[in-house]
C-alpha atoms as a PDB file:
ATOM      1  CA  PRO A   1      27.391  32.773 -10.102  1.00  0.00           C
ATOM      2  CA  VAL A   2      29.526  31.663  -7.151  1.00  0.00           C
ATOM      3  CA  TYR A   3      26.778  32.146  -4.601  1.00  0.00           C
ATOM      4  CA  CYS A   4      24.609  29.642  -6.488  1.00  0.00           C
ATOM      5  CA  LEU A   5      27.360  27.031  -6.561  1.00  0.00           C
ATOM      6  CA  HIS A   6      28.304  27.093  -2.896  1.00  0.00           C
ATOM      7  CA  PRO A   7      25.415  24.928  -1.609  1.00  0.00           C
ATOM      8  CA  PHE A   8      26.434  22.189  -4.061  1.00  0.00           C
ATOM      9  CA  VAL A   9      30.214  22.537  -4.071  1.00  0.00           C
ATOM     10  CA  VAL A  10      30.705  22.015  -0.331  1.00  0.00           C
ATOM     11  CA  PRO A  11      28.643  18.830   0.190  1.00  0.00           C
ATOM     12  CA  GLY A  12      29.702  17.464  -3.210  1.00  0.00           C
ATOM     13  CA  ARG A  13      33.414  17.800  -2.545  1.00  0.00           C
ATOM     14  CA  ALA A  14      32.987  16.657   1.047  1.00  0.00           C
ATOM     15  CA  SER A  15      31.169  13.498  -0.023  1.00  0.00           C
ATOM     16  CA  CYS A  16      33.945  12.660  -2.501  1.00  0.00           C
ATOM     17  CA  LEU A  17      36.566  13.015   0.200  1.00  0.00           C
ATOM     18  CA  CYS A  18      34.630  11.152   2.910  1.00  0.00           C
ATOM     19  CA  SER A  19      33.134   8.240   0.973  1.00  0.00           C
ATOM     20  CA  PRO A  20      36.378   6.185   0.661  1.00  0.00           C
ATOM     21  CA  PHE A  21      36.675   6.111   4.482  1.00  0.00           C
ATOM     22  CA  PHE A  22      33.064   5.022   4.878  1.00  0.00           C
ATOM     23  CA  LEU A  23      33.109   2.341   2.185  1.00  0.00           C
ATOM     24  CA  ALA A  24      36.363   0.828   3.480  1.00  0.00           C
ATOM     25  CA  SER A  25      34.823   0.199   6.888  1.00  0.00           C
ATOM     26  CA  PRO A  26      32.774  -2.898   7.804  1.00  0.00           C
ATOM     27  CA  THR A  27      30.304  -0.533   9.484  1.00  0.00           C
ATOM     28  CA  VAL A  28      29.274   1.633   6.568  1.00  0.00           C
ATOM     29  CA  ARG A  29      26.263   3.381   8.105  1.00  0.00           C
ATOM     30  CA  THR A  30      26.820   4.841  11.582  1.00  0.00           C
ATOM     31  CA  PRO A  31      26.443   8.273  13.226  1.00  0.00           C
ATOM     32  CA  ARG A  32      30.056   7.975  14.363  1.00  0.00           C
ATOM     33  CA  TRP A  33      31.163   9.046  10.876  1.00  0.00           C
ATOM     34  CA  TRP A  34      30.041  12.599  11.598  1.00  0.00           C
ATOM     35  CA  TRP A  35      33.397  13.438  13.163  1.00  0.00           C
ATOM     36  CA  ILE A  36      35.032  12.811   9.756  1.00  0.00           C
ATOM     37  CA  ILE A  37      32.328  14.757   7.927  1.00  0.00           C
ATOM     38  CA  LYS A  38      32.703  17.634  10.394  1.00  0.00           C
ATOM     39  CA  THR A  39      36.479  17.671  10.027  1.00  0.00           C
ATOM     40  CA  VAL A  40      36.369  17.626   6.218  1.00  0.00           C
ATOM     41  CA  VAL A  41      33.629  20.247   5.886  1.00  0.00           C
ATOM     42  CA  ARG A  42      35.404  22.594   8.298  1.00  0.00           C
ATOM     43  CA  THR A  43      38.461  22.674   6.039  1.00  0.00           C
ATOM     44  CA  PHE A  44      36.412  24.368   3.314  1.00  0.00           C
ATOM     45  CA  LYS A  45      36.303  27.609   5.291  1.00  0.00           C
ATOM     46  CA  TYR A  46      40.007  28.040   4.516  1.00  0.00           C
ATOM     47  CA  PHE A  47      39.435  27.599   0.756  1.00  0.00           C
ATOM     48  CA  PHE A  48      36.591  30.114   0.794  1.00  0.00           C
ATOM     49  CA  GLY A  49      38.470  32.499   3.091  1.00  0.00           C
ATOM     50  CA  LEU A  50      35.738  32.400   5.715  1.00  0.00           C
ATOM     51  CA  ARG A  51      36.126  33.193   9.412  1.00  0.00           C
ATOM     52  CA  PHE A  52      33.826  32.102  12.208  1.00  0.00           C
ATOM     53  CA  GLU A  53      34.601  34.250  15.239  1.00  0.00           C
ATOM     54  CA  ALA A  54      32.777  34.914  18.483  1.00  0.00           C
ATOM     55  CA  ILE A  55      33.054  35.872  22.114  1.00  0.00           C
ATOM     56  CA  ILE A  56      31.404  33.180  24.233  1.00  0.00           C
ATOM     57  CA  VAL A  57      30.262  34.164  27.733  1.00  0.00           C
ATOM     58  CA  SER A  58      28.894  31.868  30.437  1.00  0.00           C
ATOM     59  CA  ASN A  59      28.082  31.799  34.120  1.00  0.00           C
ATOM     60  CA  HIS A  60      30.766  30.291  36.370  1.00  0.00           C
ATOM     61  CA  GLN A  61      29.794  28.265  39.455  1.00  0.00           C
ATOM     62  CA  SER A  62      32.647  25.855  40.150  1.00  0.00           C
ATOM     63  CA  ILE A  63      35.308  23.642  38.609  1.00  0.00           C
ATOM     64  CA  LEU A  64      32.400  21.410  37.574  1.00  0.00           C
ATOM     65  CA  ASP A  65      31.770  23.928  34.791  1.00  0.00           C
ATOM     66  CA  MET A  66      34.757  22.448  32.975  1.00  0.00           C
ATOM     67  CA  MET A  67      32.858  19.217  32.313  1.00  0.00           C
ATOM     68  CA  GLY A  68      29.950  21.129  30.810  1.00  0.00           C
ATOM     69  CA  LEU A  69      32.414  23.258  28.888  1.00  0.00           C
ATOM     70  CA  MET A  70      33.834  20.189  27.165  1.00  0.00           C
ATOM     71  CA  GLU A  71      30.333  19.220  26.030  1.00  0.00           C
ATOM     72  CA  VAL A  72      29.884  22.399  23.992  1.00  0.00           C
ATOM     73  CA  LEU A  73      33.387  23.846  23.485  1.00  0.00           C
ATOM     74  CA  PRO A  74      33.862  24.703  19.787  1.00  0.00           C
ATOM     75  CA  ASP A  75      37.134  24.168  17.949  1.00  0.00           C
ATOM     76  CA  ASN A  76      39.767  26.907  18.062  1.00  0.00           C
ATOM     77  CA  CYS A  77      38.345  28.326  21.276  1.00  0.00           C
ATOM     78  CA  VAL A  78      40.480  29.545  24.165  1.00  0.00           C
ATOM     79  CA  GLN A  79      39.459  30.611  27.646  1.00  0.00           C
ATOM     80  CA  VAL A  80      40.338  33.695  29.631  1.00  0.00           C
ATOM     81  CA  GLY A  81      41.395  32.890  33.193  1.00  0.00           C
ATOM     82  CA  LYS A  82      42.947  34.513  36.245  1.00  0.00           C
ATOM     83  CA  LYS A  83      46.748  34.673  36.298  1.00  0.00           C
ATOM     84  CA  GLU A  84      46.939  32.666  39.531  1.00  0.00           C
ATOM     85  CA  LEU A  85      45.810  29.521  37.714  1.00  0.00           C
ATOM     86  CA  MET A  86      49.081  29.497  35.785  1.00  0.00           C
ATOM     87  CA  TYR A  87      50.869  28.459  38.983  1.00  0.00           C
ATOM     88  CA  ALA A  88      48.419  25.700  39.936  1.00  0.00           C
ATOM     89  CA  GLY A  89      50.828  22.788  39.368  1.00  0.00           C
ATOM     90  CA  THR A  90      49.967  20.373  36.587  1.00  0.00           C
ATOM     91  CA  VAL A  91      46.584  22.043  36.096  1.00  0.00           C
ATOM     92  CA  GLY A  92      48.357  25.318  35.377  1.00  0.00           C
ATOM     93  CA  LEU A  93      50.715  23.599  32.952  1.00  0.00           C
ATOM     94  CA  ILE A  94      47.879  21.924  31.041  1.00  0.00           C
ATOM     95  CA  ILE A  95      45.787  25.061  30.650  1.00  0.00           C
ATOM     96  CA  TYR A  96      48.893  27.075  29.729  1.00  0.00           C
ATOM     97  CA  LEU A  97      49.710  24.574  26.969  1.00  0.00           C
ATOM     98  CA  GLY A  98      46.037  24.704  25.939  1.00  0.00           C
ATOM     99  CA  GLY A  99      46.385  28.399  25.135  1.00  0.00           C
ATOM    100  CA  VAL A 100      44.414  29.905  28.035  1.00  0.00           C
ATOM    101  CA  ILE A 101      44.769  33.699  28.118  1.00  0.00           C
ATOM    102  CA  PHE A 102      45.735  34.842  31.606  1.00  0.00           C
ATOM    103  CA  ILE A 103      44.781  38.205  33.081  1.00  0.00           C
ATOM    104  CA  ASN A 104      45.793  39.947  36.291  1.00  0.00           C
ATOM    105  CA  ARG A 105      42.472  40.720  37.971  1.00  0.00           C
ATOM    106  CA  LYS A 106      44.204  42.974  40.536  1.00  0.00           C
ATOM    107  CA  SER A 107      45.460  45.323  37.856  1.00  0.00           C
ATOM    108  CA  THR A 108      42.761  47.054  35.840  1.00  0.00           C
ATOM    109  CA  SER A 109      45.229  48.536  33.350  1.00  0.00           C
ATOM    110  CA  SER A 110      46.916  45.156  32.821  1.00  0.00           C
ATOM    111  CA  ALA A 111      43.567  43.423  32.283  1.00  0.00           C
ATOM    112  CA  LYS A 112      42.537  46.044  29.715  1.00  0.00           C
ATOM    113  CA  MET A 113      45.803  45.604  27.827  1.00  0.00           C
ATOM    114  CA  VAL A 114      45.344  41.827  27.743  1.00  0.00           C
ATOM    115  CA  MET A 115      41.767  42.117  26.497  1.00  0.00           C
ATOM    116  CA  ALA A 116      42.934  44.478  23.753  1.00  0.00           C
ATOM    117  CA  GLU A 117      45.450  41.830  22.713  1.00  0.00           C
ATOM    118  CA  VAL A 118      42.649  39.248  22.765  1.00  0.00           C
ATOM    119  CA  ALA A 119      40.771  41.231  20.129  1.00  0.00           C
ATOM    120  CA  LYS A 120      43.884  41.276  17.936  1.00  0.00           C
ATOM    121  CA  THR A 121      44.459  37.554  18.461  1.00  0.00           C
ATOM    122  CA  MET A 122      40.901  36.787  17.366  1.00  0.00           C
ATOM    123  CA  ALA A 123      41.505  38.585  14.084  1.00  0.00           C
ATOM    124  CA  THR A 124      44.943  37.158  13.325  1.00  0.00           C
ATOM    125  CA  ASP A 125      44.539  33.572  14.601  1.00  0.00           C
ATOM    126  CA  ASN A 126      40.824  33.059  13.855  1.00  0.00           C
ATOM    127  CA  VAL A 127      39.982  31.909  17.369  1.00  0.00           C
ATOM    128  CA  LYS A 128      36.928  32.145  19.554  1.00  0.00           C
ATOM    129  CA  VAL A 129      37.264  33.285  23.167  1.00  0.00           C
ATOM    130  CA  TRP A 130      35.356  31.887  26.161  1.00  0.00           C
ATOM    131  CA  VAL A 131      34.966  34.346  29.045  1.00  0.00           C
ATOM    132  CA  TYR A 132      33.285  34.164  32.450  1.00  0.00           C
ATOM    133  CA  PRO A 133      31.964  37.743  32.750  1.00  0.00           C
ATOM    134  CA  GLU A 134      31.187  37.414  36.474  1.00  0.00           C
ATOM    135  CA  GLY A 135      34.952  37.392  36.998  1.00  0.00           C
ATOM    136  CA  THR A 136      34.941  34.710  39.682  1.00  0.00           C
ATOM    137  CA  ARG A 137      33.207  31.514  40.732  1.00  0.00           C
ATOM    138  CA  ASN A 138      29.713  32.012  42.090  1.00  0.00           C
ATOM    139  CA  CYS A 139      27.537  29.183  43.414  1.00  0.00           C
ATOM    140  CA  THR A 140      24.684  31.227  44.879  1.00  0.00           C
ATOM    141  CA  GLY A 141      22.087  30.205  42.296  1.00  0.00           C
ATOM    142  CA  ASP A 142      22.072  33.719  40.811  1.00  0.00           C
ATOM    143  CA  LEU A 143      24.429  35.835  38.703  1.00  0.00           C
ATOM    144  CA  LEU A 144      26.954  38.373  39.927  1.00  0.00           C
ATOM    145  CA  PRO A 145      27.157  41.688  38.042  1.00  0.00           C
ATOM    146  CA  PHE A 146      29.043  41.282  34.762  1.00  0.00           C
ATOM    147  CA  LYS A 147      32.406  42.882  34.100  1.00  0.00           C
ATOM    148  CA  LYS A 148      32.596  44.627  30.733  1.00  0.00           C
ATOM    149  CA  GLY A 149      35.918  43.298  29.404  1.00  0.00           C
ATOM    150  CA  ALA A 150      34.437  40.568  27.190  1.00  0.00           C
ATOM    151  CA  PHE A 151      31.920  42.977  25.713  1.00  0.00           C
ATOM    152  CA  HIS A 152      34.574  45.588  24.941  1.00  0.00           C
ATOM    153  CA  VAL A 153      36.475  42.877  23.049  1.00  0.00           C
ATOM    154  CA  ALA A 154      33.354  41.798  21.133  1.00  0.00           C
ATOM    155  CA  VAL A 155      32.616  45.369  20.056  1.00  0.00           C
ATOM    156  CA  GLN A 156      36.250  46.088  19.190  1.00  0.00           C
ATOM    157  CA  ALA A 157      36.497  42.918  17.072  1.00  0.00           C
ATOM    158  CA  GLN A 158      32.919  43.349  15.737  1.00  0.00           C
ATOM    159  CA  VAL A 159      32.106  39.711  16.506  1.00  0.00           C
ATOM    160  CA  PRO A 160      28.932  38.290  18.072  1.00  0.00           C
ATOM    161  CA  VAL A 161      28.516  37.408  21.732  1.00  0.00           C
ATOM    162  CA  ILE A 162      27.250  33.866  22.295  1.00  0.00           C
ATOM    163  CA  PRO A 163      25.749  33.374  25.775  1.00  0.00           C
ATOM    164  CA  VAL A 164      26.033  29.896  27.320  1.00  0.00           C
ATOM    165  CA  VAL A 165      24.136  29.184  30.527  1.00  0.00           C
ATOM    166  CA  TYR A 166      24.466  26.339  33.033  1.00  0.00           C
ATOM    167  CA  SER A 167      21.564  25.571  35.368  1.00  0.00           C
ATOM    168  CA  SER A 168      22.176  26.131  39.086  1.00  0.00           C
ATOM    169  CA  PHE A 169      24.277  23.557  40.957  1.00  0.00           C
ATOM    170  CA  THR A 170      22.863  24.496  44.364  1.00  0.00           C
ATOM    171  CA  THR A 171      20.575  21.462  44.702  1.00  0.00           C
ATOM    172  CA  PHE A 172      23.504  19.037  44.637  1.00  0.00           C
ATOM    173  CA  TYR A 173      26.673  21.108  45.173  1.00  0.00           C
ATOM    174  CA  ASN A 174      27.409  23.536  47.998  1.00  0.00           C
ATOM    175  CA  PRO A 175      31.018  23.793  49.209  1.00  0.00           C
ATOM    176  CA  LYS A 176      30.032  25.764  52.321  1.00  0.00           C
ATOM    177  CA  LYS A 177      27.748  22.938  53.444  1.00  0.00           C
ATOM    178  CA  ASN A 178      30.066  20.176  52.164  1.00  0.00           C
ATOM    179  CA  LEU A 179      27.244  19.069  49.871  1.00  0.00           C
ATOM    180  CA  PHE A 180      28.229  17.154  46.747  1.00  0.00           C
ATOM    181  CA  THR A 181      25.885  14.522  45.363  1.00  0.00           C
ATOM    182  CA  SER A 182      24.855  13.377  41.892  1.00  0.00           C
ATOM    183  CA  GLY A 183      22.694  15.773  39.926  1.00  0.00           C
ATOM    184  CA  LYS A 184      21.527  17.003  36.541  1.00  0.00           C
ATOM    185  CA  ILE A 185      23.101  20.006  34.837  1.00  0.00           C
ATOM    186  CA  LYS A 186      21.350  21.669  31.915  1.00  0.00           C
ATOM    187  CA  VAL A 187      23.444  23.672  29.447  1.00  0.00           C
ATOM    188  CA  GLU A 188      21.835  25.980  26.913  1.00  0.00           C
ATOM    189  CA  VAL A 189      23.594  27.800  24.071  1.00  0.00           C
ATOM    190  CA  LEU A 190      21.610  30.955  23.306  1.00  0.00           C
ATOM    191  CA  PRO A 191      21.331  32.767  19.962  1.00  0.00           C
ATOM    192  CA  PRO A 192      24.275  35.054  19.134  1.00  0.00           C
ATOM    193  CA  ILE A 193      23.991  38.734  20.000  1.00  0.00           C
ATOM    194  CA  GLU A 194      25.386  40.741  17.085  1.00  0.00           C
ATOM    195  CA  THR A 195      27.784  43.642  17.625  1.00  0.00           C
ATOM    196  CA  LYS A 196      28.138  44.859  14.028  1.00  0.00           C
ATOM    197  CA  GLY A 197      28.016  48.635  14.006  1.00  0.00           C
ATOM    198  CA  LEU A 198      28.251  48.966  17.797  1.00  0.00           C
ATOM    199  CA  THR A 199      30.839  51.249  19.401  1.00  0.00           C
ATOM    200  CA  SER A 200      32.352  51.611  22.856  1.00  0.00           C
ATOM    201  CA  ASP A 201      29.346  53.779  23.759  1.00  0.00           C
ATOM    202  CA  ASP A 202      27.126  50.685  23.398  1.00  0.00           C
ATOM    203  CA  VAL A 203      29.150  48.380  25.672  1.00  0.00           C
ATOM    204  CA  SER A 204      27.154  49.082  28.839  1.00  0.00           C
ATOM    205  CA  GLU A 205      23.843  48.406  27.101  1.00  0.00           C
ATOM    206  CA  LEU A 206      25.270  45.246  25.495  1.00  0.00           C
ATOM    207  CA  THR A 207      26.505  44.023  28.888  1.00  0.00           C
ATOM    208  CA  ASP A 208      23.135  44.674  30.534  1.00  0.00           C
ATOM    209  CA  ARG A 209      21.245  42.979  27.706  1.00  0.00           C
ATOM    210  CA  CYS A 210      23.396  39.870  27.908  1.00  0.00           C
ATOM    211  CA  TYR A 211      23.076  39.813  31.694  1.00  0.00           C
ATOM    212  CA  ARG A 212      19.266  39.972  31.556  1.00  0.00           C
ATOM    213  CA  ILE A 213      19.025  37.226  28.927  1.00  0.00           C
ATOM    214  CA  MET A 214      21.416  34.920  30.762  1.00  0.00           C
ATOM    215  CA  ARG A 215      19.790  35.526  34.146  1.00  0.00           C
ATOM    216  CA  GLU A 216      16.324  34.725  32.820  1.00  0.00           C
ATOM    217  CA  THR A 217      17.717  31.559  31.228  1.00  0.00           C
ATOM    218  CA  LEU A 218      19.527  30.552  34.441  1.00  0.00           C
ATOM    219  CA  PHE A 219      16.319  30.745  36.476  1.00  0.00           C
ATOM    220  CA  ARG A 220      14.305  28.959  33.791  1.00  0.00           C
ATOM    221  CA  LEU A 221      16.807  26.101  33.464  1.00  0.00           C
ATOM    222  CA  SER A 222      16.936  25.828  37.245  1.00  0.00           C
ATOM    223  CA  GLY A 223      13.148  25.469  37.503  1.00  0.00           C
ATOM    224  CA  ARG A 224      12.661  28.881  39.152  1.00  0.00           C
ATOM    225  CA  PRO A 225      11.410  31.191  36.353  1.00  0.00           C
ATOM    226  CA  GLY A 226       9.211  33.235  38.694  1.00  0.00           C
ATOM    227  CA  GLU A 227      12.163  34.322  40.815  1.00  0.00           C
ATOM    228  CA  VAL A 228      13.601  36.545  38.078  1.00  0.00           C
ATOM    229  CA  LYS A 229      11.045  39.321  38.626  1.00  0.00           C
ATOM    230  CA  ASP A 230      10.923  38.769  42.381  1.00  0.00           C
ATOM    231  CA  SER A 231      14.663  39.332  42.813  1.00  0.00           C
ATOM    232  CA  SER A 232      15.254  41.960  40.129  1.00  0.00           C
END
């Protein structure tokens, strides 16, 4: 049966394709080869007709998030950003060319239309979407209430929500106090939250659940786990 062969077919074929590259190099054994292994193995999803889709949501504190984003950003993942960024000179050009999906935050109807298109794009182009559900930058050490757009998309596309949480920057970065020193940022990718079988009636509960999980993780990563109950 096919399901019995899959565990052997993928690594077997991958090893045949990768081994010539490894053996031709003077450094045969090195962890650096994993980028080739990863690239080859990922191509098998097209042969098997598999799709790996998700809505990724994370807290948003400052432009420093972009560095953490690059540490964990999966392939074929695009961000959702405010329309104003498109006119931010070379930065706007780069993120436009990178496929960022722009929304007009001042127009609720426009934002809803864009998010509906996002769900369609996920299905047709097999992409993942990274959204900041707070809707704006927030460097208070806590989370702002989440907007529901990302969760509507996840339910509409029936794809999981993957929460990603950055620890608080407040100990080393505070623009109001002109504080910017070196510091440690912890990033944690949480288990996916499934949306299979959920409908638009479940979006509020899904949003609240994700908010609670991410907020607890934010305080834990920031070394302040006891503050969750105190401030809730």
